[in-house]
Amino acid sequence: MTASIVWWHEIHLILQDGDADELVVKMDDQFVTDTTVATLTEKDPDVLFVHLNDVDAGGHNNGYGPEIRQYLDTIETSDRRVGQILKALYARKTYGQEDWLIMITTDHGGVKAATGNK
């Protein structure tokens, strides 16, 4: 079973080419996190693509950089969400027999100004 659980519908189409068995799209990072945790807990995914968007939006809206508190807040919140997902993954009864590859990446870097520059 393959699942794509995303905030932004277009990223599913680009990365999965429409081939996921399950597609969940909602513009809410906590919903994406909760759905991912439920998928890991209740189902047996072979491939799971997850897209959290708040850090990207935080950079676009407030600027990028360690001196920008709002940007750091979105990073810290997203870090906790990734922690929730990893906790659910590690709690799987079959985790010891599974071979997971976890990749965390961004779609682009940023500049300090909140101008939408990439």
PDB file of N, CA and C in Angstrom:
ATOM      1  N   MET A   1       0.845  -1.178   0.000  1.00  0.00           N
ATOM      2  CA  MET A   1       0.000   0.000   0.000  1.00  0.00           C
ATOM      3  C   MET A   1       0.884   1.233   0.000  1.00  0.00           C
ATOM      4  N   THR A   2       0.557   2.192  -0.844  1.00  0.00           N
ATOM      5  CA  THR A   2       1.273   3.458  -0.889  1.00  0.00           C
ATOM      6  C   THR A   2       0.300   4.576  -0.517  1.00  0.00           C
ATOM      7  N   ALA A   3       0.809   5.564   0.198  1.00  0.00           N
ATOM      8  CA  ALA A   3      -0.037   6.676   0.614  1.00  0.00           C
ATOM      9  C   ALA A   3       0.732   7.982   0.443  1.00  0.00           C
ATOM     10  N   SER A   4       0.017   8.993   0.042  1.00  0.00           N
ATOM     11  CA  SER A   4       0.550  10.339  -0.055  1.00  0.00           C
ATOM     12  C   SER A   4      -0.368  11.234   0.774  1.00  0.00           C
ATOM     13  N   ILE A   5       0.183  11.788   1.844  1.00  0.00           N
ATOM     14  CA  ILE A   5      -0.589  12.609   2.783  1.00  0.00           C
ATOM     15  C   ILE A   5       0.047  13.991   2.757  1.00  0.00           C
ATOM     16  N   VAL A   6      -0.656  14.941   2.166  1.00  0.00           N
ATOM     17  CA  VAL A   6      -0.023  16.211   1.853  1.00  0.00           C
ATOM     18  C   VAL A   6      -0.889  17.404   2.214  1.00  0.00           C
ATOM     19  N   TRP A   7      -0.233  18.536   2.390  1.00  0.00           N
ATOM     20  CA  TRP A   7      -0.880  19.824   2.594  1.00  0.00           C
ATOM     21  C   TRP A   7      -1.252  20.431   1.250  1.00  0.00           C
ATOM     22  N   TRP A   8      -0.390  20.255   0.260  1.00  0.00           N
ATOM     23  CA  TRP A   8      -0.518  20.901  -1.042  1.00  0.00           C
ATOM     24  C   TRP A   8      -0.722  19.843  -2.115  1.00  0.00           C
ATOM     25  N   HIS A   9      -1.885  19.851  -2.747  1.00  0.00           N
ATOM     26  CA  HIS A   9      -2.256  18.819  -3.720  1.00  0.00           C
ATOM     27  C   HIS A   9      -1.238  18.671  -4.848  1.00  0.00           C
ATOM     28  N   GLU A  10      -0.726  19.755  -5.371  1.00  0.00           N
ATOM     29  CA  GLU A  10       0.172  19.706  -6.515  1.00  0.00           C
ATOM     30  C   GLU A  10       1.450  18.931  -6.229  1.00  0.00           C
ATOM     31  N   ILE A  11       1.920  18.939  -4.995  1.00  0.00           N
ATOM     32  CA  ILE A  11       3.155  18.204  -4.687  1.00  0.00           C
ATOM     33  C   ILE A  11       2.921  16.698  -4.809  1.00  0.00           C
ATOM     34  N   HIS A  12       1.720  16.258  -4.517  1.00  0.00           N
ATOM     35  CA  HIS A  12       1.400  14.843  -4.723  1.00  0.00           C
ATOM     36  C   HIS A  12       1.491  14.497  -6.198  1.00  0.00           C
ATOM     37  N   LEU A  13       0.955  15.319  -7.027  1.00  0.00           N
ATOM     38  CA  LEU A  13       0.954  15.036  -8.460  1.00  0.00           C
ATOM     39  C   LEU A  13       2.372  15.026  -9.032  1.00  0.00           C
ATOM     40  N   ILE A  14       3.220  15.913  -8.545  1.00  0.00           N
ATOM     41  CA  ILE A  14       4.603  15.981  -9.025  1.00  0.00           C
ATOM     42  C   ILE A  14       5.391  14.760  -8.557  1.00  0.00           C
ATOM     43  N   LEU A  15       5.333  14.452  -7.269  1.00  0.00           N
ATOM     44  CA  LEU A  15       6.197  13.413  -6.714  1.00  0.00           C
ATOM     45  C   LEU A  15       5.660  12.008  -6.889  1.00  0.00           C
ATOM     46  N   GLN A  16       4.367  11.846  -6.893  1.00  0.00           N
ATOM     47  CA  GLN A  16       3.786  10.515  -6.971  1.00  0.00           C
ATOM     48  C   GLN A  16       3.188  10.203  -8.331  1.00  0.00           C
ATOM     49  N   ASP A  17       3.065  11.200  -9.173  1.00  0.00           N
ATOM     50  CA  ASP A  17       2.479  11.021 -10.500  1.00  0.00           C
ATOM     51  C   ASP A  17       1.113  10.359 -10.431  1.00  0.00           C
ATOM     52  N   GLY A  18       0.380  10.603  -9.349  1.00  0.00           N
ATOM     53  CA  GLY A  18      -0.971  10.074  -9.222  1.00  0.00           C
ATOM     54  C   GLY A  18      -1.054   8.602  -8.924  1.00  0.00           C
ATOM     55  N   ASP A  19       0.051   7.965  -8.520  1.00  0.00           N
ATOM     56  CA  ASP A  19       0.074   6.517  -8.360  1.00  0.00           C
ATOM     57  C   ASP A  19      -0.165   6.008  -6.938  1.00  0.00           C
ATOM     58  N   ALA A  20      -0.372   6.841  -5.973  1.00  0.00           N
ATOM     59  CA  ALA A  20      -0.576   6.383  -4.601  1.00  0.00           C
ATOM     60  C   ALA A  20      -1.932   5.692  -4.463  1.00  0.00           C
ATOM     61  N   ASP A  21      -1.971   4.632  -3.658  1.00  0.00           N
ATOM     62  CA  ASP A  21      -3.233   3.947  -3.378  1.00  0.00           C
ATOM     63  C   ASP A  21      -4.183   4.865  -2.620  1.00  0.00           C
ATOM     64  N   GLU A  22      -3.610   5.649  -1.722  1.00  0.00           N
ATOM     65  CA  GLU A  22      -4.416   6.588  -0.933  1.00  0.00           C
ATOM     66  C   GLU A  22      -3.821   7.975  -1.069  1.00  0.00           C
ATOM     67  N   LEU A  23      -4.685   8.932  -1.303  1.00  0.00           N
ATOM     68  CA  LEU A  23      -4.284  10.330  -1.393  1.00  0.00           C
ATOM     69  C   LEU A  23      -5.124  11.121  -0.409  1.00  0.00           C
ATOM     70  N   VAL A  24      -4.447  11.791   0.506  1.00  0.00           N
ATOM     71  CA  VAL A  24      -5.124  12.647   1.476  1.00  0.00           C
ATOM     72  C   VAL A  24      -4.538  14.043   1.317  1.00  0.00           C
ATOM     73  N   VAL A  25      -5.398  15.019   1.115  1.00  0.00           N
ATOM     74  CA  VAL A  25      -4.962  16.398   0.944  1.00  0.00           C
ATOM     75  C   VAL A  25      -5.794  17.286   1.861  1.00  0.00           C
ATOM     76  N   LYS A  26      -5.122  18.048   2.717  1.00  0.00           N
ATOM     77  CA  LYS A  26      -5.797  19.057   3.527  1.00  0.00           C
ATOM     78  C   LYS A  26      -4.758  20.088   3.929  1.00  0.00           C
ATOM     79  N   MET A  27      -5.099  21.344   3.778  1.00  0.00           N
ATOM     80  CA  MET A  27      -4.163  22.426   4.048  1.00  0.00           C
ATOM     81  C   MET A  27      -4.081  22.706   5.547  1.00  0.00           C
ATOM     82  N   ASP A  28      -3.551  21.713   6.295  1.00  0.00           N
ATOM     83  CA  ASP A  28      -3.446  21.805   7.745  1.00  0.00           C
ATOM     84  C   ASP A  28      -2.376  20.805   8.198  1.00  0.00           C
ATOM     85  N   ASP A  29      -1.234  21.312   8.661  1.00  0.00           N
ATOM     86  CA  ASP A  29      -0.131  20.429   9.033  1.00  0.00           C
ATOM     87  C   ASP A  29      -0.470  19.472  10.169  1.00  0.00           C
ATOM     88  N   GLN A  30      -1.277  19.904  11.134  1.00  0.00           N
ATOM     89  CA  GLN A  30      -1.617  18.980  12.225  1.00  0.00           C
ATOM     90  C   GLN A  30      -2.500  17.857  11.705  1.00  0.00           C
ATOM     91  N   PHE A  31      -3.409  18.164  10.802  1.00  0.00           N
ATOM     92  CA  PHE A  31      -4.237  17.123  10.184  1.00  0.00           C
ATOM     93  C   PHE A  31      -3.357  16.133   9.417  1.00  0.00           C
ATOM     94  N   VAL A  32      -2.394  16.662   8.653  1.00  0.00           N
ATOM     95  CA  VAL A  32      -1.473  15.792   7.918  1.00  0.00           C
ATOM     96  C   VAL A  32      -0.718  14.893   8.899  1.00  0.00           C
ATOM     97  N   THR A  33      -0.248  15.466   9.988  1.00  0.00           N
ATOM     98  CA  THR A  33       0.467  14.691  11.002  1.00  0.00           C
ATOM     99  C   THR A  33      -0.427  13.623  11.609  1.00  0.00           C
ATOM    100  N   ASP A  34      -1.619  13.992  12.037  1.00  0.00           N
ATOM    101  CA  ASP A  34      -2.543  13.031  12.657  1.00  0.00           C
ATOM    102  C   ASP A  34      -2.909  11.912  11.688  1.00  0.00           C
ATOM    103  N   THR A  35      -3.115  12.247  10.430  1.00  0.00           N
ATOM    104  CA  THR A  35      -3.461  11.238   9.431  1.00  0.00           C
ATOM    105  C   THR A  35      -2.280  10.301   9.186  1.00  0.00           C
ATOM    106  N   THR A  36      -1.080  10.849   9.176  1.00  0.00           N
ATOM    107  CA  THR A  36       0.116  10.026   9.002  1.00  0.00           C
ATOM    108  C   THR A  36       0.289   9.074  10.184  1.00  0.00           C
ATOM    109  N   VAL A  37       0.111   9.573  11.388  1.00  0.00           N
ATOM    110  CA  VAL A  37       0.202   8.725  12.582  1.00  0.00           C
ATOM    111  C   VAL A  37      -0.839   7.605  12.509  1.00  0.00           C
ATOM    112  N   ALA A  38      -2.060   7.932  12.134  1.00  0.00           N
ATOM    113  CA  ALA A  38      -3.110   6.921  12.012  1.00  0.00           C
ATOM    114  C   ALA A  38      -2.762   5.890  10.943  1.00  0.00           C
ATOM    115  N   THR A  39      -2.198   6.336   9.839  1.00  0.00           N
ATOM    116  CA  THR A  39      -1.804   5.409   8.771  1.00  0.00           C
ATOM    117  C   THR A  39      -0.728   4.447   9.263  1.00  0.00           C
ATOM    118  N   LEU A  40       0.254   4.967   9.977  1.00  0.00           N
ATOM    119  CA  LEU A  40       1.317   4.109  10.504  1.00  0.00           C
ATOM    120  C   LEU A  40       0.804   3.161  11.577  1.00  0.00           C
ATOM    121  N   THR A  41      -0.197   3.581  12.312  1.00  0.00           N
ATOM    122  CA  THR A  41      -0.741   2.792  13.411  1.00  0.00           C
ATOM    123  C   THR A  41      -1.730   1.740  12.930  1.00  0.00           C
ATOM    124  N   GLU A  42      -2.557   2.094  11.972  1.00  0.00           N
ATOM    125  CA  GLU A  42      -3.682   1.240  11.576  1.00  0.00           C
ATOM    126  C   GLU A  42      -3.495   0.499  10.260  1.00  0.00           C
ATOM    127  N   LYS A  43      -2.509   0.882   9.484  1.00  0.00           N
ATOM    128  CA  LYS A  43      -2.318   0.281   8.161  1.00  0.00           C
ATOM    129  C   LYS A  43      -0.882  -0.208   8.018  1.00  0.00           C
ATOM    130  N   ASP A  44      -0.577  -0.767   6.870  1.00  0.00           N
ATOM    131  CA  ASP A  44       0.752  -1.310   6.626  1.00  0.00           C
ATOM    132  C   ASP A  44       1.332  -0.718   5.343  1.00  0.00           C
ATOM    133  N   PRO A  45       1.742   0.555   5.381  1.00  0.00           N
ATOM    134  CA  PRO A  45       2.237   1.183   4.159  1.00  0.00           C
ATOM    135  C   PRO A  45       3.616   0.665   3.754  1.00  0.00           C
ATOM    136  N   ASP A  46       3.792   0.486   2.444  1.00  0.00           N
ATOM    137  CA  ASP A  46       5.107   0.166   1.886  1.00  0.00           C
ATOM    138  C   ASP A  46       5.863   1.449   1.562  1.00  0.00           C
ATOM    139  N   VAL A  47       5.110   2.444   1.115  1.00  0.00           N
ATOM    140  CA  VAL A  47       5.664   3.755   0.798  1.00  0.00           C
ATOM    141  C   VAL A  47       4.715   4.798   1.370  1.00  0.00           C
ATOM    142  N   LEU A  48       5.302   5.785   2.034  1.00  0.00           N
ATOM    143  CA  LEU A  48       4.500   6.830   2.657  1.00  0.00           C
ATOM    144  C   LEU A  48       5.177   8.166   2.378  1.00  0.00           C
ATOM    145  N   PHE A  49       4.500   9.022   1.621  1.00  0.00           N
ATOM    146  CA  PHE A  49       5.000  10.358   1.333  1.00  0.00           C
ATOM    147  C   PHE A  49       4.183  11.349   2.151  1.00  0.00           C
ATOM    148  N   VAL A  50       4.875  12.212   2.900  1.00  0.00           N
ATOM    149  CA  VAL A  50       4.207  13.178   3.772  1.00  0.00           C
ATOM    150  C   VAL A  50       4.749  14.567   3.456  1.00  0.00           C
ATOM    151  N   HIS A  51       3.848  15.531   3.352  1.00  0.00           N
ATOM    152  CA  HIS A  51       4.249  16.910   3.084  1.00  0.00           C
ATOM    153  C   HIS A  51       3.686  17.825   4.159  1.00  0.00           C
ATOM    154  N   LEU A  52       4.577  18.425   4.944  1.00  0.00           N
ATOM    155  CA  LEU A  52       4.212  19.460   5.906  1.00  0.00           C
ATOM    156  C   LEU A  52       4.620  20.801   5.295  1.00  0.00           C
ATOM    157  N   ASN A  53       3.789  21.810   5.431  1.00  0.00           N
ATOM    158  CA  ASN A  53       3.995  23.068   4.720  1.00  0.00           C
ATOM    159  C   ASN A  53       4.286  24.280   5.602  1.00  0.00           C
ATOM    160  N   ASP A  54       4.079  24.187   6.895  1.00  0.00           N
ATOM    161  CA  ASP A  54       4.138  25.388   7.729  1.00  0.00           C
ATOM    162  C   ASP A  54       5.488  26.094   7.729  1.00  0.00           C
ATOM    163  N   VAL A  55       6.592  25.361   7.644  1.00  0.00           N
ATOM    164  CA  VAL A  55       7.901  26.025   7.624  1.00  0.00           C
ATOM    165  C   VAL A  55       8.044  26.846   6.342  1.00  0.00           C
ATOM    166  N   ASP A  56       7.642  26.269   5.226  1.00  0.00           N
ATOM    167  CA  ASP A  56       7.691  26.996   3.954  1.00  0.00           C
ATOM    168  C   ASP A  56       6.835  28.265   4.033  1.00  0.00           C
ATOM    169  N   ALA A  57       5.616  28.123   4.511  1.00  0.00           N
ATOM    170  CA  ALA A  57       4.728  29.279   4.636  1.00  0.00           C
ATOM    171  C   ALA A  57       5.290  30.295   5.618  1.00  0.00           C
ATOM    172  N   GLY A  58       5.868  29.817   6.715  1.00  0.00           N
ATOM    173  CA  GLY A  58       6.461  30.728   7.694  1.00  0.00           C
ATOM    174  C   GLY A  58       7.584  31.560   7.099  1.00  0.00           C
ATOM    175  N   GLY A  59       8.405  30.941   6.260  1.00  0.00           N
ATOM    176  CA  GLY A  59       9.486  31.674   5.608  1.00  0.00           C
ATOM    177  C   GLY A  59       8.962  32.688   4.611  1.00  0.00           C
ATOM    178  N   HIS A  60       8.000  32.262   3.823  1.00  0.00           N
ATOM    179  CA  HIS A  60       7.430  33.188   2.841  1.00  0.00           C
ATOM    180  C   HIS A  60       6.736  34.368   3.532  1.00  0.00           C
ATOM    181  N   ASN A  61       6.044  34.094   4.623  1.00  0.00           N
ATOM    182  CA  ASN A  61       5.256  35.140   5.293  1.00  0.00           C
ATOM    183  C   ASN A  61       6.076  36.049   6.193  1.00  0.00           C
ATOM    184  N   ASN A  62       7.119  35.497   6.835  1.00  0.00           N
ATOM    185  CA  ASN A  62       7.843  36.260   7.854  1.00  0.00           C
ATOM    186  C   ASN A  62       9.305  36.490   7.529  1.00  0.00           C
ATOM    187  N   GLY A  63       9.815  35.810   6.542  1.00  0.00           N
ATOM    188  CA  GLY A  63      11.235  35.855   6.225  1.00  0.00           C
ATOM    189  C   GLY A  63      11.925  34.623   6.786  1.00  0.00           C
ATOM    190  N   TYR A  64      13.115  34.374   6.293  1.00  0.00           N
ATOM    191  CA  TYR A  64      13.899  33.199   6.682  1.00  0.00           C
ATOM    192  C   TYR A  64      15.071  33.635   7.542  1.00  0.00           C
ATOM    193  N   GLY A  65      15.425  32.830   8.509  1.00  0.00           N
ATOM    194  CA  GLY A  65      16.626  33.115   9.273  1.00  0.00           C
ATOM    195  C   GLY A  65      16.440  32.900  10.760  1.00  0.00           C
ATOM    196  N   PRO A  66      17.552  32.621  11.446  1.00  0.00           N
ATOM    197  CA  PRO A  66      17.492  32.300  12.874  1.00  0.00           C
ATOM    198  C   PRO A  66      17.119  33.482  13.758  1.00  0.00           C
ATOM    199  N   GLU A  67      17.161  34.678  13.229  1.00  0.00           N
ATOM    200  CA  GLU A  67      16.782  35.847  14.027  1.00  0.00           C
ATOM    201  C   GLU A  67      15.293  36.189  13.901  1.00  0.00           C
ATOM    202  N   ILE A  68      14.574  35.419  13.117  1.00  0.00           N
ATOM    203  CA  ILE A  68      13.146  35.685  12.901  1.00  0.00           C
ATOM    204  C   ILE A  68      12.330  34.700  13.742  1.00  0.00           C
ATOM    205  N   ARG A  69      11.791  35.175  14.840  1.00  0.00           N
ATOM    206  CA  ARG A  69      11.117  34.328  15.823  1.00  0.00           C
ATOM    207  C   ARG A  69       9.954  33.542  15.217  1.00  0.00           C
ATOM    208  N   GLN A  70       9.139  34.177  14.398  1.00  0.00           N
ATOM    209  CA  GLN A  70       7.990  33.476  13.814  1.00  0.00           C
ATOM    210  C   GLN A  70       8.444  32.297  12.955  1.00  0.00           C
ATOM    211  N   TYR A  71       9.526  32.488  12.229  1.00  0.00           N
ATOM    212  CA  TYR A  71      10.073  31.417  11.396  1.00  0.00           C
ATOM    213  C   TYR A  71      10.571  30.271  12.275  1.00  0.00           C
ATOM    214  N   LEU A  72      11.301  30.604  13.335  1.00  0.00           N
ATOM    215  CA  LEU A  72      11.782  29.569  14.258  1.00  0.00           C
ATOM    216  C   LEU A  72      10.623  28.827  14.920  1.00  0.00           C
ATOM    217  N   ASP A  73       9.560  29.551  15.232  1.00  0.00           N
ATOM    218  CA  ASP A  73       8.385  28.902  15.834  1.00  0.00           C
ATOM    219  C   ASP A  73       7.799  27.840  14.905  1.00  0.00           C
ATOM    220  N   THR A  74       7.735  28.149  13.593  1.00  0.00           N
ATOM    221  CA  THR A  74       7.193  27.153  12.662  1.00  0.00           C
ATOM    222  C   THR A  74       8.115  25.947  12.559  1.00  0.00           C
ATOM    223  N   ILE A  75       9.423  26.176  12.624  1.00  0.00           N
ATOM    224  CA  ILE A  75      10.376  25.059  12.590  1.00  0.00           C
ATOM    225  C   ILE A  75      10.197  24.183  13.824  1.00  0.00           C
ATOM    226  N   GLU A  76      10.092  24.802  14.986  1.00  0.00           N
ATOM    227  CA  GLU A  76       9.937  24.036  16.226  1.00  0.00           C
ATOM    228  C   GLU A  76       8.628  23.244  16.237  1.00  0.00           C
ATOM    229  N   THR A  77       7.557  23.841  15.762  1.00  0.00           N
ATOM    230  CA  THR A  77       6.276  23.130  15.700  1.00  0.00           C
ATOM    231  C   THR A  77       6.364  21.963  14.725  1.00  0.00           C
ATOM    232  N   SER A  78       6.966  22.183  13.580  1.00  0.00           N
ATOM    233  CA  SER A  78       7.113  21.100  12.605  1.00  0.00           C
ATOM    234  C   SER A  78       8.014  19.998  13.133  1.00  0.00           C
ATOM    235  N   ASP A  79       9.040  20.360  13.880  1.00  0.00           N
ATOM    236  CA  ASP A  79       9.917  19.362  14.495  1.00  0.00           C
ATOM    237  C   ASP A  79       9.129  18.463  15.446  1.00  0.00           C
ATOM    238  N   ARG A  80       8.230  19.053  16.232  1.00  0.00           N
ATOM    239  CA  ARG A  80       7.389  18.246  17.130  1.00  0.00           C
ATOM    240  C   ARG A  80       6.478  17.318  16.323  1.00  0.00           C
ATOM    241  N   ARG A  81       5.966  17.812  15.208  1.00  0.00           N
ATOM    242  CA  ARG A  81       5.103  16.976  14.359  1.00  0.00           C
ATOM    243  C   ARG A  81       5.888  15.810  13.763  1.00  0.00           C
ATOM    244  N   VAL A  82       7.084  16.071  13.303  1.00  0.00           N
ATOM    245  CA  VAL A  82       7.929  14.984  12.797  1.00  0.00           C
ATOM    246  C   VAL A  82       8.195  13.992  13.928  1.00  0.00           C
ATOM    247  N   GLY A  83       8.399  14.490  15.128  1.00  0.00           N
ATOM    248  CA  GLY A  83       8.575  13.606  16.285  1.00  0.00           C
ATOM    249  C   GLY A  83       7.365  12.716  16.521  1.00  0.00           C
ATOM    250  N   GLN A  84       6.165  13.256  16.374  1.00  0.00           N
ATOM    251  CA  GLN A  84       4.941  12.452  16.515  1.00  0.00           C
ATOM    252  C   GLN A  84       4.915  11.337  15.473  1.00  0.00           C
ATOM    253  N   ILE A  85       5.290  11.674  14.249  1.00  0.00           N
ATOM    254  CA  ILE A  85       5.288  10.683  13.172  1.00  0.00           C
ATOM    255  C   ILE A  85       6.321   9.598  13.456  1.00  0.00           C
ATOM    256  N   LEU A  86       7.521   9.995  13.855  1.00  0.00           N
ATOM    257  CA  LEU A  86       8.564   9.010  14.154  1.00  0.00           C
ATOM    258  C   LEU A  86       8.185   8.127  15.337  1.00  0.00           C
ATOM    259  N   LYS A  87       7.552   8.696  16.339  1.00  0.00           N
ATOM    260  CA  LYS A  87       7.104   7.907  17.487  1.00  0.00           C
ATOM    261  C   LYS A  87       6.126   6.819  17.032  1.00  0.00           C
ATOM    262  N   ALA A  88       5.209   7.171  16.146  1.00  0.00           N
ATOM    263  CA  ALA A  88       4.256   6.184  15.628  1.00  0.00           C
ATOM    264  C   ALA A  88       4.972   5.127  14.796  1.00  0.00           C
ATOM    265  N   LEU A  89       5.954   5.532  14.031  1.00  0.00           N
ATOM    266  CA  LEU A  89       6.721   4.577  13.230  1.00  0.00           C
ATOM    267  C   LEU A  89       7.454   3.588  14.127  1.00  0.00           C
ATOM    268  N   TYR A  90       8.168   4.092  15.116  1.00  0.00           N
ATOM    269  CA  TYR A  90       8.949   3.234  16.011  1.00  0.00           C
ATOM    270  C   TYR A  90       8.071   2.332  16.864  1.00  0.00           C
ATOM    271  N   ALA A  91       6.814   2.709  17.072  1.00  0.00           N
ATOM    272  CA  ALA A  91       5.894   1.920  17.902  1.00  0.00           C
ATOM    273  C   ALA A  91       5.235   0.780  17.128  1.00  0.00           C
ATOM    274  N   ARG A  92       5.440   0.714  15.829  1.00  0.00           N
ATOM    275  CA  ARG A  92       4.833  -0.359  15.040  1.00  0.00           C
ATOM    276  C   ARG A  92       5.321  -1.718  15.557  1.00  0.00           C
ATOM    277  N   LYS A  93       4.427  -2.650  15.710  1.00  0.00           N
ATOM    278  CA  LYS A  93       4.795  -3.986  16.202  1.00  0.00           C
ATOM    279  C   LYS A  93       5.798  -4.662  15.282  1.00  0.00           C
ATOM    280  N   THR A  94       5.730  -4.337  14.006  1.00  0.00           N
ATOM    281  CA  THR A  94       6.613  -4.953  13.022  1.00  0.00           C
ATOM    282  C   THR A  94       7.837  -4.099  12.693  1.00  0.00           C
ATOM    283  N   TYR A  95       8.051  -3.025  13.423  1.00  0.00           N
ATOM    284  CA  TYR A  95       9.133  -2.098  13.102  1.00  0.00           C
ATOM    285  C   TYR A  95      10.490  -2.808  13.030  1.00  0.00           C
ATOM    286  N   GLY A  96      10.759  -3.716  13.918  1.00  0.00           N
ATOM    287  CA  GLY A  96      12.042  -4.423  13.953  1.00  0.00           C
ATOM    288  C   GLY A  96      12.304  -5.259  12.719  1.00  0.00           C
ATOM    289  N   GLN A  97      11.274  -5.655  12.020  1.00  0.00           N
ATOM    290  CA  GLN A  97      11.416  -6.452  10.807  1.00  0.00           C
ATOM    291  C   GLN A  97      11.300  -5.601   9.538  1.00  0.00           C
ATOM    292  N   GLU A  98      11.072  -4.315   9.710  1.00  0.00           N
ATOM    293  CA  GLU A  98      10.884  -3.424   8.566  1.00  0.00           C
ATOM    294  C   GLU A  98      12.179  -2.685   8.244  1.00  0.00           C
ATOM    295  N   ASP A  99      12.282  -2.222   7.040  1.00  0.00           N
ATOM    296  CA  ASP A  99      13.461  -1.490   6.579  1.00  0.00           C
ATOM    297  C   ASP A  99      13.012  -0.137   6.050  1.00  0.00           C
ATOM    298  N   TRP A 100      12.994   0.866   6.903  1.00  0.00           N
ATOM    299  CA  TRP A 100      12.502   2.196   6.542  1.00  0.00           C
ATOM    300  C   TRP A 100      13.650   3.091   6.105  1.00  0.00           C
ATOM    301  N   LEU A 101      13.408   3.903   5.096  1.00  0.00           N
ATOM    302  CA  LEU A 101      14.296   4.981   4.695  1.00  0.00           C
ATOM    303  C   LEU A 101      13.519   6.271   4.922  1.00  0.00           C
ATOM    304  N   ILE A 102      14.043   7.141   5.764  1.00  0.00           N
ATOM    305  CA  ILE A 102      13.363   8.395   6.094  1.00  0.00           C
ATOM    306  C   ILE A 102      14.184   9.540   5.517  1.00  0.00           C
ATOM    307  N   MET A 103      13.544  10.347   4.686  1.00  0.00           N
ATOM    308  CA  MET A 103      14.208  11.516   4.103  1.00  0.00           C
ATOM    309  C   MET A 103      13.396  12.751   4.470  1.00  0.00           C
ATOM    310  N   ILE A 104      14.088  13.756   4.952  1.00  0.00           N
ATOM    311  CA  ILE A 104      13.442  15.035   5.251  1.00  0.00           C
ATOM    312  C   ILE A 104      14.163  16.085   4.418  1.00  0.00           C
ATOM    313  N   THR A 105      13.394  16.826   3.648  1.00  0.00           N
ATOM    314  CA  THR A 105      13.991  17.801   2.749  1.00  0.00           C
ATOM    315  C   THR A 105      13.088  19.016   2.615  1.00  0.00           C
ATOM    316  N   THR A 106      13.634  20.050   2.055  1.00  0.00           N
ATOM    317  CA  THR A 106      12.882  21.260   1.761  1.00  0.00           C
ATOM    318  C   THR A 106      12.744  21.406   0.250  1.00  0.00           C
ATOM    319  N   ASP A 107      11.803  22.203  -0.176  1.00  0.00           N
ATOM    320  CA  ASP A 107      11.649  22.404  -1.616  1.00  0.00           C
ATOM    321  C   ASP A 107      12.544  23.529  -2.132  1.00  0.00           C
ATOM    322  N   HIS A 108      13.045  24.379  -1.254  1.00  0.00           N
ATOM    323  CA  HIS A 108      13.954  25.458  -1.649  1.00  0.00           C
ATOM    324  C   HIS A 108      14.506  26.125  -0.401  1.00  0.00           C
ATOM    325  N   GLY A 109      15.558  26.892  -0.589  1.00  0.00           N
ATOM    326  CA  GLY A 109      16.108  27.700   0.491  1.00  0.00           C
ATOM    327  C   GLY A 109      15.383  29.026   0.553  1.00  0.00           C
ATOM    328  N   GLY A 110      15.887  29.919   1.365  1.00  0.00           N
ATOM    329  CA  GLY A 110      15.222  31.206   1.487  1.00  0.00           C
ATOM    330  C   GLY A 110      16.193  32.328   1.769  1.00  0.00           C
ATOM    331  N   VAL A 111      15.688  33.522   1.649  1.00  0.00           N
ATOM    332  CA  VAL A 111      16.445  34.720   2.012  1.00  0.00           C
ATOM    333  C   VAL A 111      15.742  35.343   3.208  1.00  0.00           C
ATOM    334  N   LYS A 112      16.376  36.261   3.864  1.00  0.00           N
ATOM    335  CA  LYS A 112      15.813  36.818   5.092  1.00  0.00           C
ATOM    336  C   LYS A 112      14.526  37.599   4.863  1.00  0.00           C
ATOM    337  N   ALA A 113      14.425  38.314   3.778  1.00  0.00           N
ATOM    338  CA  ALA A 113      13.243  39.147   3.533  1.00  0.00           C
ATOM    339  C   ALA A 113      12.019  38.283   3.269  1.00  0.00           C
ATOM    340  N   ALA A 114      10.877  38.722   3.750  1.00  0.00           N
ATOM    341  CA  ALA A 114       9.613  38.029   3.500  1.00  0.00           C
ATOM    342  C   ALA A 114       9.012  38.533   2.200  1.00  0.00           C
ATOM    343  N   THR A 115       9.726  38.298   1.110  1.00  0.00           N
ATOM    344  CA  THR A 115       9.286  38.811  -0.174  1.00  0.00           C
ATOM    345  C   THR A 115       8.808  37.706  -1.107  1.00  0.00           C
ATOM    346  N   GLY A 116       8.862  36.477  -0.632  1.00  0.00           N
ATOM    347  CA  GLY A 116       8.517  35.368  -1.500  1.00  0.00           C
ATOM    348  C   GLY A 116       9.693  34.898  -2.328  1.00  0.00           C
ATOM    349  N   ASN A 117      10.876  35.506  -2.131  1.00  0.00           N
ATOM    350  CA  ASN A 117      12.065  35.065  -2.853  1.00  0.00           C
ATOM    351  C   ASN A 117      12.455  33.674  -2.430  1.00  0.00           C
ATOM    352  N   LYS A 118      13.040  32.963  -3.341  1.00  0.00           N
ATOM    353  CA  LYS A 118      13.440  31.582  -3.048  1.00  0.00           C
ATOM    354  C   LYS A 118      14.928  31.458  -3.010  1.00  0.00           C
TER     355      LYS A 118
END
